[in-house]
């Protein structure tokens, strides 16, 4: 079985990132790449429930925003489900 991980917006980029500044989207995608590299260990990043694959939150830009994600271990996938940007 392959250990290659990926990430994607859920349900899609338009729904999750619509209207955000390009700089914010670039930071989200940079963080998503880092989470993808961590693979199943990404479940320990940020805040939120560590067990059960629940929603996790990761600070962006020193606390000016949040990236909400789910680690789908069985799919080898990090799902970016919400971006909260505090402009």
PDB file of N, CA and C in Angstrom:
ATOM      1  N   UNK A   1       0.833  -1.182   0.000  1.00  0.00           N
ATOM      2  CA  UNK A   1       0.000   0.000   0.000  1.00  0.00           C
ATOM      3  C   UNK A   1       0.882   1.252   0.000  1.00  0.00           C
ATOM      4  N   UNK A   2       0.550   2.201  -0.805  1.00  0.00           N
ATOM      5  CA  UNK A   2       1.326   3.427  -0.932  1.00  0.00           C
ATOM      6  C   UNK A   2       1.138   4.323   0.282  1.00  0.00           C
ATOM      7  N   UNK A   3       2.203   4.992   0.689  1.00  0.00           N
ATOM      8  CA  UNK A   3       2.143   5.953   1.788  1.00  0.00           C
ATOM      9  C   UNK A   3       2.157   7.387   1.257  1.00  0.00           C
ATOM     10  N   UNK A   4       1.870   7.570  -0.012  1.00  0.00           N
ATOM     11  CA  UNK A   4       1.835   8.905  -0.598  1.00  0.00           C
ATOM     12  C   UNK A   4       0.573   9.626  -0.140  1.00  0.00           C
ATOM     13  N   UNK A   5       0.777  10.811   0.401  1.00  0.00           N
ATOM     14  CA  UNK A   5      -0.333  11.619   0.891  1.00  0.00           C
ATOM     15  C   UNK A   5      -0.594  12.779  -0.053  1.00  0.00           C
ATOM     16  N   UNK A   6      -1.802  13.299  -0.003  1.00  0.00           N
ATOM     17  CA  UNK A   6      -2.200  14.462  -0.788  1.00  0.00           C
ATOM     18  C   UNK A   6      -3.070  15.351   0.095  1.00  0.00           C
ATOM     19  N   UNK A   7      -3.403  16.526  -0.417  1.00  0.00           N
ATOM     20  CA  UNK A   7      -4.368  17.376   0.273  1.00  0.00           C
ATOM     21  C   UNK A   7      -5.304  17.934  -0.777  1.00  0.00           C
ATOM     22  N   UNK A   8      -6.492  18.341  -0.325  1.00  0.00           N
ATOM     23  CA  UNK A   8      -7.447  18.993  -1.218  1.00  0.00           C
ATOM     24  C   UNK A   8      -8.434  19.806  -0.401  1.00  0.00           C
ATOM     25  N   UNK A   9      -9.078  20.740  -1.080  1.00  0.00           N
ATOM     26  CA  UNK A   9     -10.151  21.505  -0.458  1.00  0.00           C
ATOM     27  C   UNK A   9     -11.399  20.624  -0.435  1.00  0.00           C
ATOM     28  N   UNK A  10     -12.178  20.748   0.629  1.00  0.00           N
ATOM     29  CA  UNK A  10     -13.416  19.965   0.720  1.00  0.00           C
ATOM     30  C   UNK A  10     -14.562  20.886   1.120  1.00  0.00           C
ATOM     31  N   UNK A  11     -15.567  21.113   0.273  1.00  0.00           N
ATOM     32  CA  UNK A  11     -15.859  20.307  -0.902  1.00  0.00           C
ATOM     33  C   UNK A  11     -15.063  20.706  -2.141  1.00  0.00           C
ATOM     34  N   UNK A  12     -14.650  21.990  -2.254  1.00  0.00           N
ATOM     35  CA  UNK A  12     -13.816  22.424  -3.373  1.00  0.00           C
ATOM     36  C   UNK A  12     -13.210  23.785  -3.033  1.00  0.00           C
ATOM     37  N   UNK A  13     -12.236  24.215  -3.827  1.00  0.00           N
ATOM     38  CA  UNK A  13     -11.541  25.472  -3.559  1.00  0.00           C
ATOM     39  C   UNK A  13     -12.491  26.666  -3.568  1.00  0.00           C
ATOM     40  N   UNK A  14     -13.418  26.686  -4.497  1.00  0.00           N
ATOM     41  CA  UNK A  14     -14.339  27.817  -4.586  1.00  0.00           C
ATOM     42  C   UNK A  14     -15.150  27.965  -3.291  1.00  0.00           C
ATOM     43  N   UNK A  15     -15.625  26.863  -2.770  1.00  0.00           N
ATOM     44  CA  UNK A  15     -16.435  26.905  -1.549  1.00  0.00           C
ATOM     45  C   UNK A  15     -15.609  27.325  -0.327  1.00  0.00           C
ATOM     46  N   UNK A  16     -14.385  26.843  -0.233  1.00  0.00           N
ATOM     47  CA  UNK A  16     -13.557  27.053   0.956  1.00  0.00           C
ATOM     48  C   UNK A  16     -12.795  28.375   0.906  1.00  0.00           C
ATOM     49  N   UNK A  17     -12.320  28.786  -0.266  1.00  0.00           N
ATOM     50  CA  UNK A  17     -11.399  29.919  -0.351  1.00  0.00           C
ATOM     51  C   UNK A  17     -11.928  31.110  -1.144  1.00  0.00           C
ATOM     52  N   UNK A  18     -13.162  31.076  -1.560  1.00  0.00           N
ATOM     53  CA  UNK A  18     -13.714  32.148  -2.391  1.00  0.00           C
ATOM     54  C   UNK A  18     -13.583  33.506  -1.706  1.00  0.00           C
ATOM     55  N   UNK A  19     -13.023  34.471  -2.424  1.00  0.00           N
ATOM     56  CA  UNK A  19     -12.931  35.837  -1.948  1.00  0.00           C
ATOM     57  C   UNK A  19     -11.740  36.146  -1.059  1.00  0.00           C
ATOM     58  N   UNK A  20     -10.943  35.164  -0.736  1.00  0.00           N
ATOM     59  CA  UNK A  20      -9.777  35.411   0.100  1.00  0.00           C
ATOM     60  C   UNK A  20      -8.643  36.017  -0.723  1.00  0.00           C
ATOM     61  N   UNK A  21      -7.822  36.882  -0.112  1.00  0.00           N
ATOM     62  CA  UNK A  21      -6.685  37.460  -0.838  1.00  0.00           C
ATOM     63  C   UNK A  21      -5.714  36.367  -1.287  1.00  0.00           C
ATOM     64  N   UNK A  22      -5.061  36.571  -2.422  1.00  0.00           N
ATOM     65  CA  UNK A  22      -4.099  35.584  -2.922  1.00  0.00           C
ATOM     66  C   UNK A  22      -3.013  35.228  -1.909  1.00  0.00           C
ATOM     67  N   UNK A  23      -2.573  36.192  -1.101  1.00  0.00           N
ATOM     68  CA  UNK A  23      -1.559  35.921  -0.087  1.00  0.00           C
ATOM     69  C   UNK A  23      -2.063  34.902   0.943  1.00  0.00           C
ATOM     70  N   UNK A  24      -3.317  35.005   1.314  1.00  0.00           N
ATOM     71  CA  UNK A  24      -3.908  34.066   2.274  1.00  0.00           C
ATOM     72  C   UNK A  24      -4.011  32.679   1.651  1.00  0.00           C
ATOM     73  N   UNK A  25      -4.467  32.603   0.425  1.00  0.00           N
ATOM     74  CA  UNK A  25      -4.574  31.312  -0.261  1.00  0.00           C
ATOM     75  C   UNK A  25      -3.198  30.667  -0.393  1.00  0.00           C
ATOM     76  N   UNK A  26      -2.185  31.469  -0.722  1.00  0.00           N
ATOM     77  CA  UNK A  26      -0.824  30.928  -0.836  1.00  0.00           C
ATOM     78  C   UNK A  26      -0.359  30.359   0.504  1.00  0.00           C
ATOM     79  N   UNK A  27      -0.667  31.047   1.606  1.00  0.00           N
ATOM     80  CA  UNK A  27      -0.274  30.556   2.928  1.00  0.00           C
ATOM     81  C   UNK A  27      -1.028  29.281   3.284  1.00  0.00           C
ATOM     82  N   UNK A  28      -2.302  29.225   2.965  1.00  0.00           N
ATOM     83  CA  UNK A  28      -3.093  28.012   3.209  1.00  0.00           C
ATOM     84  C   UNK A  28      -2.489  26.839   2.447  1.00  0.00           C
ATOM     85  N   UNK A  29      -2.153  27.049   1.200  1.00  0.00           N
ATOM     86  CA  UNK A  29      -1.607  25.965   0.390  1.00  0.00           C
ATOM     87  C   UNK A  29      -0.206  25.568   0.855  1.00  0.00           C
ATOM     88  N   UNK A  30       0.572  26.522   1.357  1.00  0.00           N
ATOM     89  CA  UNK A  30       1.880  26.193   1.925  1.00  0.00           C
ATOM     90  C   UNK A  30       1.708  25.315   3.167  1.00  0.00           C
ATOM     91  N   UNK A  31       0.785  25.714   4.036  1.00  0.00           N
ATOM     92  CA  UNK A  31       0.525  24.922   5.241  1.00  0.00           C
ATOM     93  C   UNK A  31      -0.038  23.552   4.890  1.00  0.00           C
ATOM     94  N   UNK A  32      -0.912  23.492   3.895  1.00  0.00           N
ATOM     95  CA  UNK A  32      -1.478  22.205   3.461  1.00  0.00           C
ATOM     96  C   UNK A  32      -0.376  21.285   2.939  1.00  0.00           C
ATOM     97  N   UNK A  33       0.577  21.850   2.209  1.00  0.00           N
ATOM     98  CA  UNK A  33       1.712  21.047   1.740  1.00  0.00           C
ATOM     99  C   UNK A  33       2.499  20.471   2.915  1.00  0.00           C
ATOM    100  N   UNK A  34       2.684  21.287   3.957  1.00  0.00           N
ATOM    101  CA  UNK A  34       3.409  20.818   5.141  1.00  0.00           C
ATOM    102  C   UNK A  34       2.628  19.714   5.859  1.00  0.00           C
ATOM    103  N   UNK A  35       1.315  19.886   5.968  1.00  0.00           N
ATOM    104  CA  UNK A  35       0.485  18.856   6.591  1.00  0.00           C
ATOM    105  C   UNK A  35       0.538  17.559   5.791  1.00  0.00           C
ATOM    106  N   UNK A  36       0.525  17.688   4.479  1.00  0.00           N
ATOM    107  CA  UNK A  36       0.595  16.516   3.600  1.00  0.00           C
ATOM    108  C   UNK A  36       1.901  15.764   3.822  1.00  0.00           C
ATOM    109  N   UNK A  37       2.998  16.496   3.986  1.00  0.00           N
ATOM    110  CA  UNK A  37       4.296  15.865   4.233  1.00  0.00           C
ATOM    111  C   UNK A  37       4.276  15.097   5.554  1.00  0.00           C
ATOM    112  N   UNK A  38       3.576  15.649   6.548  1.00  0.00           N
ATOM    113  CA  UNK A  38       3.474  14.970   7.839  1.00  0.00           C
ATOM    114  C   UNK A  38       2.658  13.675   7.758  1.00  0.00           C
ATOM    115  N   UNK A  39       1.779  13.589   6.768  1.00  0.00           N
ATOM    116  CA  UNK A  39       0.948  12.390   6.634  1.00  0.00           C
ATOM    117  C   UNK A  39       0.061  12.204   7.850  1.00  0.00           C
ATOM    118  N   UNK A  40      -0.019  10.991   8.357  1.00  0.00           N
ATOM    119  CA  UNK A  40      -0.904  10.716   9.501  1.00  0.00           C
ATOM    120  C   UNK A  40      -0.512  11.509  10.738  1.00  0.00           C
ATOM    121  N   UNK A  41       0.747  11.944  10.835  1.00  0.00           N
ATOM    122  CA  UNK A  41       1.179  12.751  11.970  1.00  0.00           C
ATOM    123  C   UNK A  41       0.565  14.154  11.953  1.00  0.00           C
ATOM    124  N   UNK A  42      -0.013  14.561  10.827  1.00  0.00           N
ATOM    125  CA  UNK A  42      -0.680  15.860  10.752  1.00  0.00           C
ATOM    126  C   UNK A  42      -1.860  15.918  11.727  1.00  0.00           C
ATOM    127  N   UNK A  43      -2.380  14.763  12.113  1.00  0.00           N
ATOM    128  CA  UNK A  43      -3.493  14.729  13.068  1.00  0.00           C
ATOM    129  C   UNK A  43      -3.101  15.309  14.416  1.00  0.00           C
ATOM    130  N   UNK A  44      -1.807  15.406  14.706  1.00  0.00           N
ATOM    131  CA  UNK A  44      -1.338  15.966  15.971  1.00  0.00           C
ATOM    132  C   UNK A  44      -1.027  17.462  15.858  1.00  0.00           C
ATOM    133  N   UNK A  45      -1.103  18.019  14.663  1.00  0.00           N
ATOM    134  CA  UNK A  45      -0.818  19.439  14.469  1.00  0.00           C
ATOM    135  C   UNK A  45      -2.024  20.279  14.887  1.00  0.00           C
ATOM    136  N   UNK A  46      -1.762  21.463  15.352  1.00  0.00           N
ATOM    137  CA  UNK A  46      -2.842  22.383  15.687  1.00  0.00           C
ATOM    138  C   UNK A  46      -3.583  22.015  16.957  1.00  0.00           C
ATOM    139  N   UNK A  47      -4.845  22.467  17.033  1.00  0.00           N
ATOM    140  CA  UNK A  47      -5.698  22.224  18.188  1.00  0.00           C
ATOM    141  C   UNK A  47      -6.958  21.500  17.758  1.00  0.00           C
ATOM    142  N   UNK A  48      -7.542  20.782  18.694  1.00  0.00           N
ATOM    143  CA  UNK A  48      -8.765  20.048  18.432  1.00  0.00           C
ATOM    144  C   UNK A  48      -8.605  18.611  18.882  1.00  0.00           C
ATOM    145  N   UNK A  49      -9.610  17.794  18.655  1.00  0.00           N
ATOM    146  CA  UNK A  49      -9.553  16.406  19.132  1.00  0.00           C
ATOM    147  C   UNK A  49      -8.470  15.604  18.428  1.00  0.00           C
ATOM    148  N   UNK A  50      -7.670  14.904  19.213  1.00  0.00           N
ATOM    149  CA  UNK A  50      -6.609  14.086  18.632  1.00  0.00           C
ATOM    150  C   UNK A  50      -7.115  12.722  18.189  1.00  0.00           C
ATOM    151  N   UNK A  51      -8.215  12.284  18.737  1.00  0.00           N
ATOM    152  CA  UNK A  51      -8.714  10.947  18.425  1.00  0.00           C
ATOM    153  C   UNK A  51      -9.997  11.039  17.607  1.00  0.00           C
ATOM    154  N   UNK A  52     -10.186  10.097  16.744  1.00  0.00           N
ATOM    155  CA  UNK A  52     -11.404  10.033  15.957  1.00  0.00           C
ATOM    156  C   UNK A  52     -11.366  10.821  14.665  1.00  0.00           C
ATOM    157  N   UNK A  53     -10.207  11.390  14.308  1.00  0.00           N
ATOM    158  CA  UNK A  53     -10.096  12.087  13.026  1.00  0.00           C
ATOM    159  C   UNK A  53     -10.898  13.366  12.951  1.00  0.00           C
ATOM    160  N   UNK A  54     -11.118  14.022  14.083  1.00  0.00           N
ATOM    161  CA  UNK A  54     -11.945  15.221  14.111  1.00  0.00           C
ATOM    162  C   UNK A  54     -11.294  16.438  13.497  1.00  0.00           C
ATOM    163  N   UNK A  55     -12.043  17.505  13.481  1.00  0.00           N
ATOM    164  CA  UNK A  55     -11.595  18.774  12.929  1.00  0.00           C
ATOM    165  C   UNK A  55     -10.462  19.338  13.770  1.00  0.00           C
ATOM    166  N   UNK A  56      -9.398  19.778  13.106  1.00  0.00           N
ATOM    167  CA  UNK A  56      -8.245  20.395  13.770  1.00  0.00           C
ATOM    168  C   UNK A  56      -8.140  21.846  13.293  1.00  0.00           C
ATOM    169  N   UNK A  57      -7.552  22.689  14.110  1.00  0.00           N
ATOM    170  CA  UNK A  57      -7.369  24.100  13.778  1.00  0.00           C
ATOM    171  C   UNK A  57      -5.894  24.448  13.881  1.00  0.00           C
ATOM    172  N   UNK A  58      -5.389  25.178  12.890  1.00  0.00           N
ATOM    173  CA  UNK A  58      -3.993  25.592  12.855  1.00  0.00           C
ATOM    174  C   UNK A  58      -3.950  27.098  12.639  1.00  0.00           C
ATOM    175  N   UNK A  59      -3.176  27.816  13.477  1.00  0.00           N
ATOM    176  CA  UNK A  59      -3.052  29.269  13.331  1.00  0.00           C
ATOM    177  C   UNK A  59      -2.320  29.622  12.042  1.00  0.00           C
ATOM    178  N   UNK A  60      -2.720  30.757  11.456  1.00  0.00           N
ATOM    179  CA  UNK A  60      -2.036  31.301  10.280  1.00  0.00           C
ATOM    180  C   UNK A  60      -1.586  32.714  10.594  1.00  0.00           C
ATOM    181  N   UNK A  61      -0.492  33.129  10.002  1.00  0.00           N
ATOM    182  CA  UNK A  61      -0.023  34.514  10.098  1.00  0.00           C
ATOM    183  C   UNK A  61       0.024  34.996  11.541  1.00  0.00           C
ATOM    184  N   UNK A  62       0.564  34.200  12.430  1.00  0.00           N
ATOM    185  CA  UNK A  62       0.716  34.627  13.812  1.00  0.00           C
ATOM    186  C   UNK A  62      -0.601  34.876  14.522  1.00  0.00           C
ATOM    187  N   UNK A  63      -1.635  34.144  14.149  1.00  0.00           N
ATOM    188  CA  UNK A  63      -2.913  34.259  14.843  1.00  0.00           C
ATOM    189  C   UNK A  63      -3.937  35.136  14.153  1.00  0.00           C
ATOM    190  N   UNK A  64      -3.686  35.567  12.931  1.00  0.00           N
ATOM    191  CA  UNK A  64      -4.648  36.406  12.206  1.00  0.00           C
ATOM    192  C   UNK A  64      -5.646  35.594  11.413  1.00  0.00           C
ATOM    193  N   UNK A  65      -5.513  34.301  11.459  1.00  0.00           N
ATOM    194  CA  UNK A  65      -6.459  33.448  10.751  1.00  0.00           C
ATOM    195  C   UNK A  65      -6.289  32.005  11.184  1.00  0.00           C
ATOM    196  N   UNK A  66      -7.219  31.182  10.744  1.00  0.00           N
ATOM    197  CA  UNK A  66      -7.200  29.777  11.113  1.00  0.00           C
ATOM    198  C   UNK A  66      -7.465  28.906   9.890  1.00  0.00           C
ATOM    199  N   UNK A  67      -6.798  27.788   9.868  1.00  0.00           N
ATOM    200  CA  UNK A  67      -6.992  26.778   8.843  1.00  0.00           C
ATOM    201  C   UNK A  67      -7.623  25.575   9.540  1.00  0.00           C
ATOM    202  N   UNK A  68      -8.797  25.189   9.120  1.00  0.00           N
ATOM    203  CA  UNK A  68      -9.503  24.067   9.714  1.00  0.00           C
ATOM    204  C   UNK A  68      -9.358  22.874   8.758  1.00  0.00           C
ATOM    205  N   UNK A  69      -8.919  21.746   9.293  1.00  0.00           N
ATOM    206  CA  UNK A  69      -8.650  20.605   8.423  1.00  0.00           C
ATOM    207  C   UNK A  69      -8.991  19.289   9.117  1.00  0.00           C
ATOM    208  N   UNK A  70      -9.140  18.279   8.304  1.00  0.00           N
ATOM    209  CA  UNK A  70      -9.386  16.918   8.767  1.00  0.00           C
ATOM    210  C   UNK A  70      -8.332  16.023   8.133  1.00  0.00           C
ATOM    211  N   UNK A  71      -7.771  15.135   8.919  1.00  0.00           N
ATOM    212  CA  UNK A  71      -6.825  14.151   8.398  1.00  0.00           C
ATOM    213  C   UNK A  71      -7.597  12.854   8.166  1.00  0.00           C
ATOM    214  N   UNK A  72      -7.750  12.495   6.905  1.00  0.00           N
ATOM    215  CA  UNK A  72      -8.447  11.257   6.531  1.00  0.00           C
ATOM    216  C   UNK A  72      -7.381  10.180   6.321  1.00  0.00           C
ATOM    217  N   UNK A  73      -6.986   9.563   7.416  1.00  0.00           N
ATOM    218  CA  UNK A  73      -5.889   8.597   7.397  1.00  0.00           C
ATOM    219  C   UNK A  73      -6.144   7.468   6.407  1.00  0.00           C
ATOM    220  N   UNK A  74      -7.363   6.969   6.364  1.00  0.00           N
ATOM    221  CA  UNK A  74      -7.681   5.837   5.484  1.00  0.00           C
ATOM    222  C   UNK A  74      -7.570   6.191   4.000  1.00  0.00           C
ATOM    223  N   UNK A  75      -7.634   7.479   3.684  1.00  0.00           N
ATOM    224  CA  UNK A  75      -7.506   7.933   2.294  1.00  0.00           C
ATOM    225  C   UNK A  75      -6.130   8.529   2.005  1.00  0.00           C
ATOM    226  N   UNK A  76      -5.294   8.660   3.049  1.00  0.00           N
ATOM    227  CA  UNK A  76      -4.003   9.355   2.943  1.00  0.00           C
ATOM    228  C   UNK A  76      -4.214  10.757   2.383  1.00  0.00           C
ATOM    229  N   UNK A  77      -5.136  11.481   3.028  1.00  0.00           N
ATOM    230  CA  UNK A  77      -5.582  12.767   2.510  1.00  0.00           C
ATOM    231  C   UNK A  77      -5.789  13.756   3.655  1.00  0.00           C
ATOM    232  N   UNK A  78      -5.317  14.983   3.455  1.00  0.00           N
ATOM    233  CA  UNK A  78      -5.611  16.088   4.362  1.00  0.00           C
ATOM    234  C   UNK A  78      -6.666  16.937   3.670  1.00  0.00           C
ATOM    235  N   UNK A  79      -7.798  17.137   4.340  1.00  0.00           N
ATOM    236  CA  UNK A  79      -8.904  17.896   3.776  1.00  0.00           C
ATOM    237  C   UNK A  79      -8.948  19.283   4.410  1.00  0.00           C
ATOM    238  N   UNK A  80      -8.846  20.305   3.580  1.00  0.00           N
ATOM    239  CA  UNK A  80      -8.961  21.687   4.046  1.00  0.00           C
ATOM    240  C   UNK A  80     -10.438  22.046   3.938  1.00  0.00           C
ATOM    241  N   UNK A  81     -11.096  22.227   5.090  1.00  0.00           N
ATOM    242  CA  UNK A  81     -12.550  22.389   5.077  1.00  0.00           C
ATOM    243  C   UNK A  81     -13.028  23.809   5.344  1.00  0.00           C
ATOM    244  N   UNK A  82     -12.177  24.632   5.976  1.00  0.00           N
ATOM    245  CA  UNK A  82     -12.580  26.008   6.231  1.00  0.00           C
ATOM    246  C   UNK A  82     -11.346  26.862   6.475  1.00  0.00           C
ATOM    247  N   UNK A  83     -11.439  28.113   6.016  1.00  0.00           N
ATOM    248  CA  UNK A  83     -10.395  29.096   6.281  1.00  0.00           C
ATOM    249  C   UNK A  83     -11.074  30.278   6.953  1.00  0.00           C
ATOM    250  N   UNK A  84     -10.613  30.626   8.123  1.00  0.00           N
ATOM    251  CA  UNK A  84     -11.122  31.786   8.837  1.00  0.00           C
ATOM    252  C   UNK A  84     -10.032  32.843   8.798  1.00  0.00           C
ATOM    253  N   UNK A  85     -10.285  33.935   8.100  1.00  0.00           N
ATOM    254  CA  UNK A  85      -9.289  35.001   7.947  1.00  0.00           C
ATOM    255  C   UNK A  85      -9.787  36.233   8.682  1.00  0.00           C
ATOM    256  N   UNK A  86      -8.991  36.712   9.608  1.00  0.00           N
ATOM    257  CA  UNK A  86      -9.333  37.885  10.416  1.00  0.00           C
ATOM    258  C   UNK A  86      -8.590  39.082   9.837  1.00  0.00           C
ATOM    259  N   UNK A  87      -9.196  39.739   8.898  1.00  0.00           N
ATOM    260  CA  UNK A  87      -8.561  40.854   8.194  1.00  0.00           C
ATOM    261  C   UNK A  87      -8.386  42.049   9.077  1.00  0.00           C
TER     262      UNK A  87
END
